[in-house]
C-alpha atoms as a PDB file:
ATOM      1  CA  MET A   1      -0.103  -0.038   0.064  1.00  0.00           C
ATOM      2  CA  ALA A   2       1.085   3.506  -0.625  1.00  0.00           C
ATOM      3  CA  VAL A   3       2.680   5.310   2.264  1.00  0.00           C
ATOM      4  CA  GLY A   4       4.219   8.563   1.923  1.00  0.00           C
ATOM      5  CA  GLY A   5       4.293   8.345  -1.930  1.00  0.00           C
ATOM      6  CA  ALA A   6       6.273   4.865  -1.649  1.00  0.00           C
ATOM      7  CA  GLN A   7       5.264   1.171  -2.022  1.00  0.00           C
ATOM      8  CA  HIS A   8       5.563  -0.991   0.985  1.00  0.00           C
ATOM      9  CA  SER A   9       4.505  -4.326   1.625  1.00  0.00           C
ATOM     10  CA  THR A  10       3.205  -5.217   4.933  1.00  0.00           C
ATOM     11  CA  GLU A  11       5.539  -7.958   5.310  1.00  0.00           C
ATOM     12  CA  ASP A  12       8.696  -6.200   4.441  1.00  0.00           C
ATOM     13  CA  ALA A  13      10.889  -5.325   7.293  1.00  0.00           C
ATOM     14  CA  GLY A  14      13.078  -1.931   7.569  1.00  0.00           C
ATOM     15  CA  PRO A  15      16.498  -1.744   8.858  1.00  0.00           C
ATOM     16  CA  HIS A  16      15.385  -2.461  12.472  1.00  0.00           C
ATOM     17  CA  GLY A  17      12.508  -4.662  11.328  1.00  0.00           C
ATOM     18  CA  GLU A  18      10.101  -1.979  12.032  1.00  0.00           C
ATOM     19  CA  LEU A  19       7.543  -3.321   9.602  1.00  0.00           C
ATOM     20  CA  ALA A  20       7.882  -7.304  10.457  1.00  0.00           C
ATOM     21  CA  GLY A  21       4.629  -8.641  11.332  1.00  0.00           C
ATOM     22  CA  ALA A  22       2.734  -5.218  11.331  1.00  0.00           C
ATOM     23  CA  ALA A  23      -0.010  -4.006   9.021  1.00  0.00           C
ATOM     24  CA  VAL A  24       0.006  -0.401   7.788  1.00  0.00           C
ATOM     25  CA  SER A  25      -3.176   1.441   7.806  1.00  0.00           C
ATOM     26  CA  ALA A  26      -4.318   3.974   5.179  1.00  0.00           C
ATOM     27  CA  ASP A  27      -3.425   6.689   7.260  1.00  0.00           C
ATOM     28  CA  GLY A  28       0.073   5.591   7.381  1.00  0.00           C
ATOM     29  CA  VAL A  29       0.315   4.356  11.056  1.00  0.00           C
ATOM     30  CA  VAL A  30       2.138   1.087  11.553  1.00  0.00           C
ATOM     31  CA  ARG A  31      -0.213  -1.351  13.636  1.00  0.00           C
ATOM     32  CA  LYS A  32       1.446  -4.372  14.979  1.00  0.00           C
ATOM     33  CA  GLY A  33      -0.205  -7.537  15.677  1.00  0.00           C
ATOM     34  CA  ARG A  34      -3.284  -7.096  13.041  1.00  0.00           C
ATOM     35  CA  MET A  35      -2.115  -9.459  10.265  1.00  0.00           C
ATOM     36  CA  TRP A  36      -4.347 -12.623   9.403  1.00  0.00           C
ATOM     37  CA  ARG A  37      -2.598 -16.045   9.663  1.00  0.00           C
ATOM     38  CA  PRO A  38      -3.680 -18.311   6.663  1.00  0.00           C
ATOM     39  CA  TRP A  39      -5.812 -21.241   7.844  1.00  0.00           C
ATOM     40  CA  TRP A  40      -3.075 -23.986   7.166  1.00  0.00           C
ATOM     41  CA  VAL A  41      -1.076 -22.384   9.950  1.00  0.00           C
ATOM     42  CA  TRP A  42      -3.377 -23.737  12.551  1.00  0.00           C
ATOM     43  CA  THR A  43      -4.881 -26.985  10.991  1.00  0.00           C
ATOM     44  CA  VAL A  44      -1.703 -28.687   9.527  1.00  0.00           C
ATOM     45  CA  PRO A  45       0.140 -28.750  12.972  1.00  0.00           C
ATOM     46  CA  PHE A  46      -3.081 -29.789  14.706  1.00  0.00           C
ATOM     47  CA  ALA A  47      -3.637 -32.734  12.196  1.00  0.00           C
ATOM     48  CA  ALA A  48      -0.055 -33.664  12.381  1.00  0.00           C
ATOM     49  CA  VAL A  49      -0.084 -33.909  16.161  1.00  0.00           C
ATOM     50  CA  LEU A  50      -3.334 -35.577  16.536  1.00  0.00           C
ATOM     51  CA  ALA A  51      -2.592 -38.056  13.931  1.00  0.00           C
ATOM     52  CA  VAL A  52       0.845 -39.098  15.641  1.00  0.00           C
ATOM     53  CA  LEU A  53      -1.177 -39.441  18.926  1.00  0.00           C
ATOM     54  CA  LEU A  54      -3.870 -41.433  17.312  1.00  0.00           C
ATOM     55  CA  VAL A  55      -1.419 -43.835  15.426  1.00  0.00           C
ATOM     56  CA  ARG A  56       0.721 -44.129  18.493  1.00  0.00           C
ATOM     57  CA  ASN A  57      -2.045 -45.071  20.446  1.00  0.00           C
ATOM     58  CA  ALA A  58      -4.159 -47.127  18.108  1.00  0.00           C
ATOM     59  CA  PHE A  59      -5.173 -49.640  20.710  1.00  0.00           C
ATOM     60  CA  LEU A  60      -7.808 -47.122  22.102  1.00  0.00           C
ATOM     61  CA  PHE A  61      -9.882 -48.142  19.076  1.00  0.00           C
ATOM     62  CA  SER A  62      -9.920 -51.910  19.630  1.00  0.00           C
ATOM     63  CA  THR A  63      -9.056 -52.551  23.328  1.00  0.00           C
ATOM     64  CA  PRO A  64     -11.347 -51.469  26.113  1.00  0.00           C
ATOM     65  CA  GLU A  65      -9.559 -49.719  28.895  1.00  0.00           C
ATOM     66  CA  TYR A  66     -10.823 -49.076  32.624  1.00  0.00           C
ATOM     67  CA  GLU A  67      -9.530 -46.265  34.684  1.00  0.00           C
ATOM     68  CA  ASP A  68      -8.596 -46.213  38.153  1.00  0.00           C
ATOM     69  CA  ALA A  69      -6.866 -43.998  40.694  1.00  0.00           C
ATOM     70  CA  ASP A  70      -7.205 -40.314  39.926  1.00  0.00           C
ATOM     71  CA  MET A  71      -8.192 -41.018  36.491  1.00  0.00           C
ATOM     72  CA  GLY A  72     -11.165 -43.169  38.082  1.00  0.00           C
ATOM     73  CA  ALA A  73     -12.199 -40.193  40.452  1.00  0.00           C
ATOM     74  CA  ASN A  74     -12.133 -38.064  37.602  1.00  0.00           C
ATOM     75  CA  SER A  75     -14.367 -40.230  35.664  1.00  0.00           C
ATOM     76  CA  ILE A  76     -16.965 -40.012  38.264  1.00  0.00           C
ATOM     77  CA  LEU A  77     -16.855 -35.974  37.705  1.00  0.00           C
ATOM     78  CA  ILE A  78     -16.908 -36.442  34.056  1.00  0.00           C
ATOM     79  CA  GLU A  79     -20.345 -38.278  34.214  1.00  0.00           C
ATOM     80  CA  GLN A  80     -21.454 -35.228  35.941  1.00  0.00           C
ATOM     81  CA  ALA A  81     -20.119 -32.813  33.128  1.00  0.00           C
ATOM     82  CA  ARG A  82     -21.953 -35.175  30.643  1.00  0.00           C
ATOM     83  CA  ARG A  83     -25.244 -33.974  32.270  1.00  0.00           C
ATOM     84  CA  PHE A  84     -23.781 -30.482  32.233  1.00  0.00           C
ATOM     85  CA  THR A  85     -24.362 -30.366  36.095  1.00  0.00           C
ATOM     86  CA  LEU A  86     -20.452 -30.272  36.995  1.00  0.00           C
ATOM     87  CA  LEU A  87     -19.216 -26.934  38.529  1.00  0.00           C
ATOM     88  CA  VAL A  88     -15.800 -27.820  40.155  1.00  0.00           C
ATOM     89  CA  GLY A  89     -12.706 -29.163  38.832  1.00  0.00           C
ATOM     90  CA  HIS A  90     -10.895 -32.456  39.693  1.00  0.00           C
ATOM     91  CA  TYR A  91     -10.281 -33.292  43.317  1.00  0.00           C
ATOM     92  CA  SER A  92      -6.982 -32.362  45.215  1.00  0.00           C
ATOM     93  CA  ARG A  93      -5.249 -34.796  47.799  1.00  0.00           C
ATOM     94  CA  GLU A  94      -5.504 -31.439  50.038  1.00  0.00           C
ATOM     95  CA  LYS A  95      -9.149 -32.153  50.206  1.00  0.00           C
ATOM     96  CA  PHE A  96     -10.637 -29.918  47.966  1.00  0.00           C
ATOM     97  CA  ASN A  97     -11.639 -29.453  44.263  1.00  0.00           C
ATOM     98  CA  HIS A  98      -9.642 -27.401  41.717  1.00  0.00           C
ATOM     99  CA  PRO A  99     -11.353 -24.239  40.456  1.00  0.00           C
ATOM    100  CA  GLY A 100     -13.060 -25.183  37.361  1.00  0.00           C
ATOM    101  CA  PRO A 101     -14.184 -28.266  35.249  1.00  0.00           C
ATOM    102  CA  ALA A 102     -13.080 -27.069  31.814  1.00  0.00           C
ATOM    103  CA  PHE A 103     -10.585 -30.126  31.146  1.00  0.00           C
ATOM    104  CA  LEU A 104     -13.427 -32.408  32.418  1.00  0.00           C
ATOM    105  CA  TYR A 105     -16.020 -31.264  30.279  1.00  0.00           C
ATOM    106  CA  VAL A 106     -13.552 -31.570  27.213  1.00  0.00           C
ATOM    107  CA  GLN A 107     -13.175 -35.259  28.305  1.00  0.00           C
ATOM    108  CA  SER A 108     -16.888 -35.821  28.855  1.00  0.00           C
ATOM    109  CA  TRP A 109     -17.413 -34.479  25.153  1.00  0.00           C
ATOM    110  CA  GLY A 110     -14.854 -37.122  24.058  1.00  0.00           C
ATOM    111  CA  GLU A 111     -16.515 -39.803  26.015  1.00  0.00           C
ATOM    112  CA  SER A 112     -20.134 -38.659  24.558  1.00  0.00           C
ATOM    113  CA  LEU A 113     -18.839 -38.375  20.961  1.00  0.00           C
ATOM    114  CA  PHE A 114     -16.401 -41.521  20.572  1.00  0.00           C
ATOM    115  CA  TRP A 115     -18.213 -44.057  22.737  1.00  0.00           C
ATOM    116  CA  ALA A 116     -21.604 -43.090  23.938  1.00  0.00           C
ATOM    117  CA  ALA A 117     -23.111 -41.636  20.496  1.00  0.00           C
ATOM    118  CA  THR A 118     -20.991 -43.486  18.077  1.00  0.00           C
ATOM    119  CA  ARG A 119     -19.091 -46.693  19.386  1.00  0.00           C
ATOM    120  CA  ILE A 120     -16.015 -45.573  17.696  1.00  0.00           C
ATOM    121  CA  VAL A 121     -13.938 -46.880  20.846  1.00  0.00           C
ATOM    122  CA  PRO A 122     -14.819 -49.815  22.891  1.00  0.00           C
ATOM    123  CA  ALA A 123     -14.877 -47.938  26.264  1.00  0.00           C
ATOM    124  CA  ALA A 124     -15.844 -44.581  28.008  1.00  0.00           C
ATOM    125  CA  TRP A 125     -12.390 -43.821  28.940  1.00  0.00           C
ATOM    126  CA  ASN A 126     -11.020 -44.410  25.281  1.00  0.00           C
ATOM    127  CA  GLY A 127     -13.144 -41.794  24.372  1.00  0.00           C
ATOM    128  CA  GLN A 128     -11.903 -39.344  27.039  1.00  0.00           C
ATOM    129  CA  MET A 129      -8.486 -40.185  25.752  1.00  0.00           C
ATOM    130  CA  ILE A 130      -9.185 -38.943  22.408  1.00  0.00           C
ATOM    131  CA  ALA A 131     -10.385 -35.760  23.609  1.00  0.00           C
ATOM    132  CA  VAL A 132      -7.360 -35.099  25.589  1.00  0.00           C
ATOM    133  CA  PHE A 133      -5.198 -35.797  22.484  1.00  0.00           C
ATOM    134  CA  ALA A 134      -7.467 -33.475  20.445  1.00  0.00           C
ATOM    135  CA  LEU A 135      -6.966 -30.665  23.101  1.00  0.00           C
ATOM    136  CA  ASN A 136      -3.098 -31.163  23.496  1.00  0.00           C
ATOM    137  CA  ALA A 137      -3.080 -31.030  19.464  1.00  0.00           C
ATOM    138  CA  LEU A 138      -4.951 -27.719  19.623  1.00  0.00           C
ATOM    139  CA  PHE A 139      -2.508 -26.192  22.042  1.00  0.00           C
ATOM    140  CA  ALA A 140       0.203 -27.351  20.037  1.00  0.00           C
ATOM    141  CA  ALA A 141      -1.122 -25.620  16.838  1.00  0.00           C
ATOM    142  CA  LEU A 142      -1.666 -22.340  18.947  1.00  0.00           C
ATOM    143  CA  VAL A 143       2.025 -22.414  19.500  1.00  0.00           C
ATOM    144  CA  VAL A 144       2.760 -23.144  15.834  1.00  0.00           C
ATOM    145  CA  GLY A 145       0.548 -20.198  14.777  1.00  0.00           C
ATOM    146  CA  THR A 146       1.940 -17.679  17.173  1.00  0.00           C
ATOM    147  CA  GLY A 147       5.489 -18.635  16.274  1.00  0.00           C
ATOM    148  CA  TYR A 148       4.346 -18.027  12.432  1.00  0.00           C
ATOM    149  CA  GLY A 149       2.834 -14.911  13.457  1.00  0.00           C
ATOM    150  CA  VAL A 150       5.977 -13.498  14.989  1.00  0.00           C
ATOM    151  CA  THR A 151       8.274 -14.381  12.369  1.00  0.00           C
ATOM    152  CA  ARG A 152       5.919 -14.713   9.219  1.00  0.00           C
ATOM    153  CA  SER A 153       8.171 -17.497   8.251  1.00  0.00           C
ATOM    154  CA  LEU A 154       7.143 -21.162   7.269  1.00  0.00           C
ATOM    155  CA  ARG A 155      10.457 -22.415   8.490  1.00  0.00           C
ATOM    156  CA  ALA A 156       9.788 -20.883  11.851  1.00  0.00           C
ATOM    157  CA  ALA A 157       6.634 -22.587  11.931  1.00  0.00           C
ATOM    158  CA  ALA A 158       7.837 -25.806  10.873  1.00  0.00           C
ATOM    159  CA  ALA A 159      10.798 -25.663  13.515  1.00  0.00           C
ATOM    160  CA  CYS A 160       8.005 -24.922  16.137  1.00  0.00           C
ATOM    161  CA  CYS A 161       5.880 -27.950  14.993  1.00  0.00           C
ATOM    162  CA  ALA A 162       9.241 -30.143  14.827  1.00  0.00           C
ATOM    163  CA  ALA A 163      10.182 -28.861  18.342  1.00  0.00           C
ATOM    164  CA  LEU A 164       6.653 -29.944  19.685  1.00  0.00           C
ATOM    165  CA  LEU A 165       6.967 -33.430  18.022  1.00  0.00           C
ATOM    166  CA  ALA A 166      10.439 -33.978  19.359  1.00  0.00           C
ATOM    167  CA  PHE A 167       9.169 -32.931  22.890  1.00  0.00           C
ATOM    168  CA  ALA A 168       6.198 -35.551  22.289  1.00  0.00           C
ATOM    169  CA  ALA A 169       8.860 -38.269  21.422  1.00  0.00           C
ATOM    170  CA  LEU A 170      11.003 -37.419  24.572  1.00  0.00           C
ATOM    171  CA  LYS A 171       8.145 -36.979  26.902  1.00  0.00           C
ATOM    172  CA  PRO A 172       5.270 -38.681  25.483  1.00  0.00           C
ATOM    173  CA  ALA A 173       3.313 -38.477  28.582  1.00  0.00           C
ATOM    174  CA  VAL A 174       2.624 -34.772  28.170  1.00  0.00           C
ATOM    175  CA  PHE A 175       0.660 -35.454  24.954  1.00  0.00           C
ATOM    176  CA  SER A 176      -0.928 -39.172  25.762  1.00  0.00           C
ATOM    177  CA  SER A 177      -1.712 -38.878  29.590  1.00  0.00           C
ATOM    178  CA  ASP A 178      -4.896 -38.001  31.283  1.00  0.00           C
ATOM    179  CA  TRP A 179      -3.135 -37.242  34.591  1.00  0.00           C
ATOM    180  CA  MET A 180      -3.744 -33.629  35.424  1.00  0.00           C
ATOM    181  CA  PRO A 181      -0.327 -32.422  35.868  1.00  0.00           C
ATOM    182  CA  TYR A 182       0.410 -33.681  32.213  1.00  0.00           C
ATOM    183  CA  ILE A 183      -2.677 -32.305  30.956  1.00  0.00           C
ATOM    184  CA  LEU A 184      -1.721 -28.912  32.312  1.00  0.00           C
ATOM    185  CA  ILE A 185       1.759 -28.856  30.316  1.00  0.00           C
ATOM    186  CA  MET A 186       0.663 -28.045  26.764  1.00  0.00           C
ATOM    187  CA  PRO A 187      -1.756 -25.120  27.891  1.00  0.00           C
ATOM    188  CA  TYR A 188       1.122 -23.628  29.856  1.00  0.00           C
ATOM    189  CA  VAL A 189       3.407 -23.714  26.935  1.00  0.00           C
ATOM    190  CA  ALA A 190       0.891 -22.070  24.984  1.00  0.00           C
ATOM    191  CA  PHE A 191       0.159 -19.547  27.603  1.00  0.00           C
ATOM    192  CA  LEU A 192       3.796 -18.757  27.849  1.00  0.00           C
ATOM    193  CA  VAL A 193       4.432 -18.491  24.299  1.00  0.00           C
ATOM    194  CA  ALA A 194       1.547 -16.352  23.546  1.00  0.00           C
ATOM    195  CA  THR A 195       2.165 -14.132  26.540  1.00  0.00           C
ATOM    196  CA  ALA A 196       5.668 -13.533  25.293  1.00  0.00           C
ATOM    197  CA  SER A 197       4.313 -12.545  21.863  1.00  0.00           C
ATOM    198  CA  VAL A 198       1.999 -10.177  23.457  1.00  0.00           C
ATOM    199  CA  ALA A 199       4.551  -8.610  25.630  1.00  0.00           C
ATOM    200  CA  ALA A 200       6.624  -8.061  22.528  1.00  0.00           C
ATOM    201  CA  GLY A 201       3.658  -5.798  20.964  1.00  0.00           C
ATOM    202  CA  ASN A 202       1.710  -8.620  18.963  1.00  0.00           C
ATOM    203  CA  LEU A 203      -1.655  -7.962  20.569  1.00  0.00           C
ATOM    204  CA  ARG A 204      -3.439 -10.329  17.988  1.00  0.00           C
ATOM    205  CA  ASP A 205      -2.082 -13.188  20.186  1.00  0.00           C
ATOM    206  CA  ALA A 206      -3.939 -11.988  23.322  1.00  0.00           C
ATOM    207  CA  TRP A 207      -6.835 -14.172  22.915  1.00  0.00           C
ATOM    208  CA  ILE A 208      -4.636 -17.185  22.845  1.00  0.00           C
ATOM    209  CA  ALA A 209      -3.015 -16.239  26.115  1.00  0.00           C
ATOM    210  CA  ALA A 210      -6.524 -15.464  27.492  1.00  0.00           C
ATOM    211  CA  LEU A 211      -7.814 -19.052  26.394  1.00  0.00           C
ATOM    212  CA  ALA A 212      -4.858 -20.753  27.830  1.00  0.00           C
ATOM    213  CA  GLY A 213      -4.824 -19.169  30.904  1.00  0.00           C
ATOM    214  CA  TRP A 214      -8.320 -19.696  31.578  1.00  0.00           C
ATOM    215  CA  PHE A 215      -7.891 -23.452  31.085  1.00  0.00           C
ATOM    216  CA  LEU A 216      -4.979 -23.127  33.458  1.00  0.00           C
ATOM    217  CA  LEU A 217      -7.137 -21.459  36.260  1.00  0.00           C
ATOM    218  CA  ASN A 218      -9.816 -24.161  35.838  1.00  0.00           C
ATOM    219  CA  GLY A 219      -7.069 -26.858  36.141  1.00  0.00           C
ATOM    220  CA  ASN A 220      -5.192 -26.103  39.253  1.00  0.00           C
ATOM    221  CA  VAL A 221      -5.794 -23.422  42.200  1.00  0.00           C
ATOM    222  CA  ALA A 222      -2.145 -22.628  42.108  1.00  0.00           C
ATOM    223  CA  PHE A 223      -2.650 -20.527  38.700  1.00  0.00           C
ATOM    224  CA  LEU A 224      -4.946 -18.144  40.516  1.00  0.00           C
END
């Protein structure tokens, strides 16, 4: 667009990178954090991470699994979430429930969709796990999307995705466990990355920080 008689691309960077990741309005004002990100920046990493998790845990589609310990206690709450009556989070060994039920509602939707409604999986817990995989893949996609938004670089986005997949290979429980301390890790990573982006002036990522932060508040009283 024309600014002061010269032609500038919204993706061009000046000597100090002033226009990198910025949008230039009709009045010539540089507004950081307004550029749209293409749909595939979100969907490709989401599909890649979810596919890896489903392939590596293909037993969920054929072998019924039955939860115990903390996961068994959570399933009792998840049954309440399926009736939309759950108002508290998972139980703490310190004898109180954590603030919110967001994660348990996500698991309840997985149980309802993949087990109760369609019988794609042979047991309720199997459906809960697919929902956990999808949620972790979503937060991974948000991390990749944030990385692309900051750099406007496909290589940077690919590097973010590769780093997450390497993390999954080194610490698979972070992505494939429904134990709550593991479930909290990916929203925390997304929260850190998005908050850093917002602090750098990319206000478009504020909704990612808010979403991840909201899940964290639901997940553990410590995040209050």
